[in-house]
Protein backbone atom coordinates (compact mmCIF):
# COMPACT_ATOMS: atom_id res chain seq x y z
CA MET A 1 21.08 12.56 3.13
CA ASN A 2 20.47 11.73 6.81
CA PHE A 3 18.20 8.73 7.36
CA ALA A 4 18.10 9.14 11.16
CA PHE A 5 14.67 9.91 12.60
CA THR A 6 14.17 13.08 14.64
CA GLU A 7 13.13 12.88 18.27
CA GLU A 8 9.50 13.57 17.32
CA GLN A 9 9.55 10.90 14.65
CA GLN A 10 11.02 8.41 17.10
CA GLU A 11 8.26 9.22 19.59
CA LEU A 12 5.67 8.62 16.85
CA ARG A 13 7.25 5.25 16.06
CA GLU A 14 7.43 4.19 19.71
CA ALA A 15 3.78 5.09 20.27
CA ALA A 16 2.83 3.20 17.10
CA ARG A 17 4.90 0.17 18.10
CA ALA A 18 3.21 0.06 21.51
CA PHE A 19 -0.29 0.37 20.05
CA LEU A 20 0.28 -2.21 17.33
CA GLY A 21 1.86 -4.60 19.81
CA ASP A 22 -1.34 -4.50 21.86
CA GLN A 23 -3.94 -4.20 19.11
CA SER A 24 -2.43 -5.96 16.07
CA GLY A 25 -0.93 -9.11 17.48
CA SER A 26 -1.42 -12.54 15.95
CA GLU A 27 -4.77 -13.07 17.67
CA GLN A 28 -6.21 -9.73 16.54
CA VAL A 29 -4.96 -10.21 12.98
CA ARG A 30 -6.60 -13.60 12.73
CA HIS A 31 -9.84 -12.20 14.16
CA ALA A 32 -9.88 -9.40 11.57
CA MET A 33 -9.18 -11.88 8.76
CA ALA A 34 -12.39 -13.69 9.67
CA LEU A 35 -14.54 -10.56 9.46
CA GLU A 36 -16.45 -9.84 6.26
CA SER A 37 -14.87 -6.39 5.98
CA GLY A 38 -11.39 -7.67 6.80
CA PHE A 39 -10.85 -5.10 9.55
CA ASP A 40 -12.30 -3.87 12.82
CA PRO A 41 -14.15 -0.55 12.18
CA SER A 42 -13.59 0.58 15.75
CA MET A 43 -9.83 0.20 15.37
CA TRP A 44 -9.88 2.17 12.12
CA LYS A 45 -11.78 4.97 13.83
CA GLN A 46 -9.29 4.91 16.70
CA ILE A 47 -6.36 5.12 14.27
CA GLY A 48 -7.89 8.21 12.72
CA SER A 49 -9.63 10.17 15.46
CA GLU A 50 -7.43 9.26 18.47
CA LEU A 51 -3.98 8.42 17.15
CA GLY A 52 -4.05 10.78 14.18
CA TRP A 53 -2.16 8.43 11.86
CA ALA A 54 -4.53 9.02 8.95
CA SER A 55 -3.78 12.74 9.13
CA VAL A 56 0.03 12.44 8.98
CA ALA A 57 0.38 13.34 5.30
CA VAL A 58 -2.71 15.58 5.10
CA PRO A 59 -1.97 19.34 5.08
CA GLU A 60 -3.07 21.27 8.15
CA GLU A 61 -5.54 23.41 6.19
CA TYR A 62 -7.52 20.23 5.45
CA GLY A 63 -7.60 18.87 8.98
CA GLY A 64 -4.29 17.02 8.97
CA ILE A 65 -1.17 17.45 11.06
CA GLY A 66 0.92 18.20 7.98
CA LEU A 67 3.97 16.07 8.67
CA GLY A 68 4.89 14.22 5.49
CA HIS A 69 6.05 11.12 3.68
CA VAL A 70 8.98 10.37 5.98
CA GLU A 71 6.54 9.96 8.85
CA LEU A 72 4.22 7.97 6.59
CA VAL A 73 7.08 5.62 5.70
CA ALA A 74 7.92 5.24 9.40
CA LEU A 75 4.33 4.23 10.20
CA MET A 76 3.96 1.92 7.21
CA GLU A 77 7.07 0.01 8.22
CA LEU A 78 5.57 -0.76 11.62
CA MET A 79 2.17 -1.61 10.14
CA GLY A 80 3.87 -4.13 7.87
CA GLU A 81 5.72 -5.56 10.84
CA HIS A 82 2.42 -6.20 12.61
CA LEU A 83 0.32 -7.13 9.53
CA LEU A 84 -2.18 -4.43 10.46
CA CYS A 85 -5.64 -5.25 9.10
CA ALA A 86 -7.04 -1.78 8.47
CA PRO A 87 -7.87 0.31 5.37
CA PHE A 88 -4.90 2.60 5.98
CA PHE A 89 -3.02 1.86 2.76
CA SER A 90 -6.09 2.23 0.57
CA THR A 91 -7.45 5.33 2.29
CA VAL A 92 -4.29 7.28 3.08
CA CYS A 93 -1.63 6.06 0.64
CA LEU A 94 -3.85 5.64 -2.41
CA ALA A 95 -6.95 7.86 -2.17
CA GLY A 96 -5.49 10.44 0.23
CA ASN A 97 -2.37 10.93 -1.85
CA ALA A 98 -4.45 11.22 -5.02
CA LEU A 99 -6.57 13.98 -3.49
CA CYS A 100 -3.52 15.83 -2.17
CA VAL A 101 -1.76 15.61 -5.54
CA GLY A 102 -4.56 16.38 -7.97
CA GLY A 103 -7.84 17.10 -6.23
CA SER A 104 -9.57 20.45 -6.61
CA GLU A 105 -9.83 22.80 -3.66
CA ALA A 106 -13.49 21.86 -3.19
CA GLN A 107 -12.68 18.14 -3.35
CA LYS A 108 -9.89 18.50 -0.79
CA GLN A 109 -12.11 20.51 1.55
CA GLU A 110 -14.85 17.90 1.34
CA TRP A 111 -12.89 14.66 1.63
CA LEU A 112 -9.47 15.16 3.22
CA PRO A 113 -10.79 16.15 6.69
CA ARG A 114 -12.91 12.98 6.72
CA ILE A 115 -9.92 10.87 5.73
CA ALA A 116 -7.78 12.56 8.39
CA GLU A 117 -10.34 11.69 11.06
CA GLY A 118 -10.76 8.09 9.94
CA GLN A 119 -14.43 8.75 9.26
CA ILE A 120 -14.45 7.05 5.86
CA VAL A 121 -12.77 4.31 3.89
CA ALA A 122 -11.52 5.42 0.49
CA THR A 123 -9.52 3.76 -2.27
CA LEU A 124 -8.16 4.03 -5.81
CA ALA A 125 -9.65 1.76 -8.49
CA HIS A 126 -6.99 1.49 -11.13
CA ALA A 127 -5.89 -2.00 -12.22
CA GLU A 128 -7.88 -4.03 -14.72
CA ARG A 129 -7.92 -7.62 -15.90
CA GLY A 130 -4.80 -8.26 -17.99
CA SER A 131 -3.51 -4.69 -17.65
CA GLY A 132 -0.14 -5.70 -16.22
CA SER A 133 2.16 -3.22 -14.50
CA ASP A 134 1.88 -0.36 -17.01
CA PRO A 135 0.01 2.39 -15.10
CA PHE A 136 -1.58 3.70 -18.32
CA ASP A 137 -2.75 0.32 -19.61
CA PHE A 138 -6.47 0.31 -18.82
CA GLY A 139 -9.70 0.61 -20.74
CA CYS A 140 -12.38 2.00 -18.41
CA VAL A 141 -14.09 4.78 -20.39
CA VAL A 142 -15.49 8.13 -19.24
CA THR A 143 -17.83 10.18 -21.41
CA GLU A 144 -19.65 13.46 -20.86
CA GLU A 145 -23.40 13.73 -21.08
CA GLY A 146 -24.60 17.20 -20.25
CA ASP A 147 -23.26 18.17 -16.83
CA GLU A 148 -22.53 14.56 -15.87
CA LEU A 149 -19.69 12.09 -16.35
CA VAL A 150 -20.60 8.51 -17.27
CA LEU A 151 -18.22 5.65 -16.42
CA ARG A 152 -18.20 2.24 -18.05
CA GLY A 153 -15.77 -0.59 -17.43
CA GLU A 154 -14.44 -3.00 -14.84
CA LYS A 155 -11.68 -2.62 -12.25
CA ARG A 156 -9.90 -5.47 -10.53
CA PHE A 157 -7.80 -5.94 -7.40
CA VAL A 158 -9.20 -2.80 -5.78
CA VAL A 159 -7.87 -2.69 -2.22
CA ASP A 160 -10.82 -2.43 0.22
CA GLY A 161 -13.03 -1.85 -2.81
CA ALA A 162 -16.00 -3.72 -1.32
CA THR A 163 -16.20 -1.50 1.78
CA ALA A 164 -14.98 1.88 0.51
CA ASP A 165 -17.24 4.90 0.99
CA LEU A 166 -15.33 6.74 -1.74
CA VAL A 167 -13.67 5.31 -4.84
CA ILE A 168 -11.33 7.30 -7.07
CA VAL A 169 -11.67 5.66 -10.50
CA THR A 170 -9.11 5.99 -13.27
CA ALA A 171 -10.67 6.18 -16.71
CA ARG A 172 -9.85 7.45 -20.17
CA ARG A 173 -11.69 9.43 -22.78
CA GLU A 174 -12.95 7.42 -25.74
CA GLY A 175 -10.34 6.85 -28.43
CA SER A 176 -7.38 7.90 -26.24
CA GLN A 177 -4.25 5.83 -25.75
CA GLY A 178 -1.26 5.72 -23.40
CA SER A 179 -0.96 8.71 -21.11
CA ASP A 180 -3.38 10.82 -23.18
CA GLY A 181 -6.98 11.32 -22.16
CA ILE A 182 -6.65 9.97 -18.62
CA GLU A 183 -9.01 11.18 -15.91
CA LEU A 184 -9.50 10.50 -12.22
CA VAL A 185 -13.11 10.61 -11.05
CA LEU A 186 -14.61 10.56 -7.55
CA VAL A 187 -17.36 7.94 -7.24
CA PRO A 188 -19.41 7.32 -4.06
CA GLY A 189 -19.28 3.72 -2.91
CA ASP A 190 -23.06 3.45 -3.14
CA ALA A 191 -23.38 5.02 -6.61
CA ALA A 192 -26.10 3.61 -8.88
CA GLY A 193 -24.64 1.25 -11.46
CA LEU A 194 -21.58 0.38 -9.34
CA GLU A 195 -21.35 -3.32 -8.51
CA ARG A 196 -18.74 -4.43 -5.99
CA LEU A 197 -17.61 -8.05 -5.89
CA PRO A 198 -15.20 -9.26 -3.18
CA LEU A 199 -12.36 -11.30 -4.66
CA PRO A 200 -10.88 -14.44 -3.08
CA THR A 201 -7.20 -13.71 -2.50
CA MET A 202 -4.21 -15.57 -1.15
CA ASP A 203 -3.53 -12.77 1.36
CA ALA A 204 -6.57 -12.64 3.64
CA THR A 205 -5.07 -9.75 5.65
CA ARG A 206 -5.78 -7.30 2.80
CA ARG A 207 -9.16 -7.39 1.06
CA GLN A 208 -9.53 -6.78 -2.67
CA ALA A 209 -12.57 -6.45 -4.90
CA ALA A 210 -13.69 -6.20 -8.51
CA LEU A 211 -15.76 -3.14 -9.39
CA VAL A 212 -18.15 -3.16 -12.35
CA LEU A 213 -19.14 0.30 -13.55
CA ASP A 214 -22.30 0.03 -15.61
CA ALA A 215 -23.03 3.59 -16.78
CA VAL A 216 -22.19 5.09 -13.38
CA ARG A 217 -23.16 8.77 -13.41
CA VAL A 218 -21.49 11.45 -11.31
CA PRO A 219 -21.42 15.26 -11.53
CA ALA A 220 -18.75 16.81 -13.76
CA ALA A 221 -17.31 18.37 -10.58
CA ALA A 222 -16.20 14.85 -9.56
CA ARG A 223 -13.39 15.03 -12.12
CA PHE A 224 -9.84 15.82 -11.02
CA GLY A 225 -8.47 18.84 -12.90
CA GLU A 226 -9.03 19.49 -16.58
CA ALA A 227 -10.57 16.90 -18.89
CA GLY A 228 -8.05 14.29 -19.99
CA SER A 229 -5.20 15.72 -17.89
CA GLY A 230 -4.92 13.09 -15.17
CA ALA A 231 -1.75 11.27 -16.25
CA THR A 232 0.63 13.35 -14.13
CA THR A 233 -1.59 13.08 -11.05
CA LEU A 234 -1.94 9.33 -11.51
CA ALA A 235 1.81 8.78 -12.00
CA ARG A 236 2.77 10.74 -8.88
CA THR A 237 0.03 9.12 -6.79
CA LEU A 238 1.21 5.63 -7.76
CA ASP A 239 4.84 6.53 -7.04
CA LEU A 240 3.97 7.78 -3.55
CA ALA A 241 1.83 4.70 -2.86
CA THR A 242 4.64 2.47 -4.14
CA ILE A 243 7.08 4.00 -1.66
CA ALA A 244 4.60 3.47 1.19
CA LEU A 245 4.13 -0.16 0.14
CA ALA A 246 7.90 -0.69 0.00
CA ALA A 247 8.17 0.58 3.58
CA GLU A 248 5.45 -1.86 4.63
CA GLN A 249 7.42 -4.66 2.98
CA VAL A 250 10.49 -3.71 5.03
CA GLY A 251 8.47 -4.11 8.22
CA GLY A 252 7.24 -7.52 7.13
CA ALA A 253 10.76 -8.66 6.27
CA GLN A 254 11.98 -7.48 9.67
CA ARG A 255 9.31 -9.51 11.45
CA CYS A 256 10.23 -12.59 9.42
CA LEU A 257 13.82 -12.16 10.60
CA ASP A 258 12.74 -11.65 14.21
CA LEU A 259 10.49 -14.73 14.17
CA SER A 260 13.27 -16.81 12.64
CA VAL A 261 15.92 -15.76 15.14
CA ALA A 262 13.58 -16.35 18.09
CA TYR A 263 12.63 -19.82 16.82
CA ALA A 264 16.26 -20.74 16.04
CA LYS A 265 17.19 -19.97 19.65
CA GLU A 266 14.43 -22.07 21.23
CA ARG A 267 14.10 -25.02 18.83
CA GLU A 268 16.57 -27.79 19.64
CA GLN A 269 17.86 -30.58 17.45
CA PHE A 270 20.54 -33.12 18.35
CA GLY A 271 20.67 -31.61 21.82
CA ARG A 272 21.44 -28.02 20.78
CA PRO A 273 19.51 -24.97 19.48
CA ILE A 274 19.23 -25.04 15.69
CA GLY A 275 20.55 -21.48 15.64
CA SER A 276 23.96 -22.87 16.55
CA PHE A 277 24.20 -24.68 13.20
CA GLN A 278 26.09 -22.87 10.47
CA ALA A 279 23.37 -23.31 7.85
CA ILE A 280 20.80 -21.57 10.05
CA LYS A 281 23.26 -18.86 11.13
CA HIS A 282 24.00 -18.01 7.51
CA LYS A 283 20.32 -17.90 6.58
CA CYS A 284 19.63 -15.42 9.38
CA ALA A 285 22.68 -13.34 8.48
CA ASP A 286 21.61 -13.17 4.84
CA MET A 287 18.12 -12.14 5.91
CA MET A 288 19.54 -9.34 8.05
CA VAL A 289 21.59 -8.00 5.12
CA GLN A 290 18.50 -7.99 2.93
CA VAL A 291 16.37 -6.29 5.57
CA GLU A 292 18.88 -3.51 6.22
CA SER A 293 19.46 -2.91 2.53
CA ALA A 294 15.71 -2.79 1.89
CA ARG A 295 15.27 -0.37 4.78
CA SER A 296 17.86 1.97 3.30
CA ALA A 297 16.10 1.89 -0.06
CA ALA A 298 12.69 2.62 1.48
CA TYR A 299 14.00 5.40 3.72
CA TYR A 300 15.81 7.00 0.79
CA ALA A 301 12.62 6.91 -1.26
CA GLY A 302 10.67 8.44 1.63
CA CYS A 303 13.16 11.32 1.81
CA VAL A 304 12.82 11.88 -1.94
CA ALA A 305 9.02 11.89 -1.63
CA ALA A 306 9.23 14.46 1.15
CA GLY A 307 11.32 16.75 -1.07
CA ASP A 308 10.71 17.89 -4.62
CA ALA A 309 9.45 15.68 -7.45
CA SER A 310 12.91 15.20 -8.98
CA GLY A 311 13.91 11.54 -8.96
CA LEU A 312 10.65 10.35 -7.40
CA SER A 313 9.83 7.68 -9.96
CA ARG A 314 13.37 6.27 -9.89
CA ALA A 315 13.44 6.17 -6.08
CA ALA A 316 10.02 4.50 -5.99
CA SER A 317 11.06 1.81 -8.46
CA LEU A 318 14.36 1.21 -6.69
CA ALA A 319 12.60 0.73 -3.37
CA LYS A 320 9.79 -1.45 -4.71
CA ALA A 321 12.06 -3.74 -6.71
CA TYR A 322 14.45 -4.39 -3.83
CA CYS A 323 11.94 -4.44 -0.96
CA SER A 324 9.61 -6.83 -2.80
CA GLU A 325 12.33 -9.39 -3.33
CA ALA A 326 13.81 -8.95 0.13
CA TYR A 327 10.43 -9.50 1.79
CA PHE A 328 9.62 -12.56 -0.30
CA ALA A 329 13.06 -14.05 0.31
CA CYS A 330 12.89 -13.45 4.08
CA ALA A 331 9.37 -14.89 4.28
CA GLY A 332 10.51 -18.00 2.44
CA GLU A 333 13.57 -18.42 4.67
CA ALA A 334 11.41 -17.96 7.77
CA ILE A 335 9.30 -20.92 6.70
CA GLN A 336 12.40 -22.99 5.99
CA ILE A 337 13.89 -22.20 9.41
CA HIS A 338 10.63 -23.10 11.12
CA GLY A 339 10.57 -26.40 9.25
CA GLY A 340 7.33 -28.35 8.93
CA VAL A 341 5.40 -26.05 11.27
CA GLY A 342 6.30 -22.95 9.26
CA PHE A 343 3.30 -23.21 6.98
CA THR A 344 0.80 -24.44 9.54
CA TRP A 345 -2.07 -22.25 10.65
CA GLU A 346 -0.80 -22.06 14.24
CA TYR A 347 2.41 -20.25 13.26
CA ASP A 348 2.61 -16.81 11.67
CA PRO A 349 5.30 -17.15 8.96
CA HIS A 350 2.75 -18.30 6.38
CA LEU A 351 0.75 -15.08 6.90
CA TYR A 352 3.83 -13.01 6.08
CA PHE A 353 4.67 -15.26 3.13
CA LYS A 354 1.22 -14.65 1.64
CA ARG A 355 1.41 -10.90 2.24
CA ALA A 356 4.88 -10.86 0.67
CA GLN A 357 3.67 -12.66 -2.45
CA ALA A 358 0.64 -10.40 -2.86
CA SER A 359 2.60 -7.20 -2.24
CA GLU A 360 5.26 -8.21 -4.75
CA GLN A 361 2.63 -8.11 -7.50
CA MET A 362 0.89 -4.95 -6.34
CA LEU A 363 1.83 -1.64 -8.02
CA GLY A 364 4.32 -3.31 -10.32
CA THR A 365 6.55 -6.37 -10.13
CA PRO A 366 10.30 -6.10 -9.48
CA ALA A 367 10.92 -6.85 -13.18
CA TYR A 368 8.69 -3.94 -14.23
CA HIS A 369 10.43 -1.52 -11.88
CA ARG A 370 13.89 -2.58 -13.03
CA GLU A 371 12.82 -2.00 -16.62
CA ARG A 372 11.45 1.39 -15.61
CA ILE A 373 14.78 2.39 -14.08
CA ALA A 374 16.60 1.15 -17.17
CA ARG A 375 14.40 3.33 -19.38
CA GLU A 376 15.09 6.37 -17.23
CA LEU A 377 18.81 5.67 -17.62
CA SER A 378 18.28 5.50 -21.40
CA LEU A 379 19.25 1.83 -21.50
CA GLY A 380 17.45 -0.10 -24.22
CA ALA A 381 14.29 0.90 -26.03
């Protein structure tokens, strides 16, 4: 398997690096963090309509440029490096993937072109209070009343849930358990009975919300596929989003390394740069090993996602488990190398530390993904 990018992919990355360097620097990130929405709507529109990033993984027949998950991984890595404050992950990696994987033809025709153009913000409402990492552990209920679906329940930690124009809600039929009876349902962000509550989070660069669904009614056509058949769509969607998140973590870890090396070269102690001390050298060397290993895991997973479905879940878990821990470790070391200023507001390492901690919990902890791999290898129960 060749992990080298093609010339076109390299051009995409260079263009993305230049744009993010200008538009997602420390000053712009901090400005976006202070906004109620958590992002600049004009930048999101530019990402979609001008740069075409939102259309990378959308098929051409639905208004996309039909590239794929390798290109998506390449972009996510750079977005993580620059802490991009935009609803890209929620709209493209969660909702967009869900529509591509399991949406009906009519649903794809209606929503994917708007996602590809950056015209809307969309997301997936899946996790619930106390549900843990098990993707099928949730209790939101969907029932049928005439030609309508009625949703009741509460979702937590919904990325960009307070600003989304479209929410794909995971629910289950009454009395079902595990992977049985699962459905994915399209819900407009302004639907009657839907209450959206912004959540205070440690990572202010990525907004989350709680959604309360109090007898939310939508047409039966809002359902993905056949009644109660959404488990496969949900599992693949979460695997693809997990790989994208792992790539973002690689970018964050790389920036932590870069910030640390730059500071170690300029900060002097006892008349010499602190980077000349063995303890600091070894910290930076260890960080580099972790970053490169994490990058290999994320790139491998991206290649698997771009191919057939075989091995997708294992590759996703491998990447998420390793990249989560590598990012968190590098963010912690960056703060240590910066010393007392590392966690002050004026320096950026604390922003990456908070993103690393939040991302480690999202879409399954490293422990969950290791256990998942062990089960696939028939180790243990």
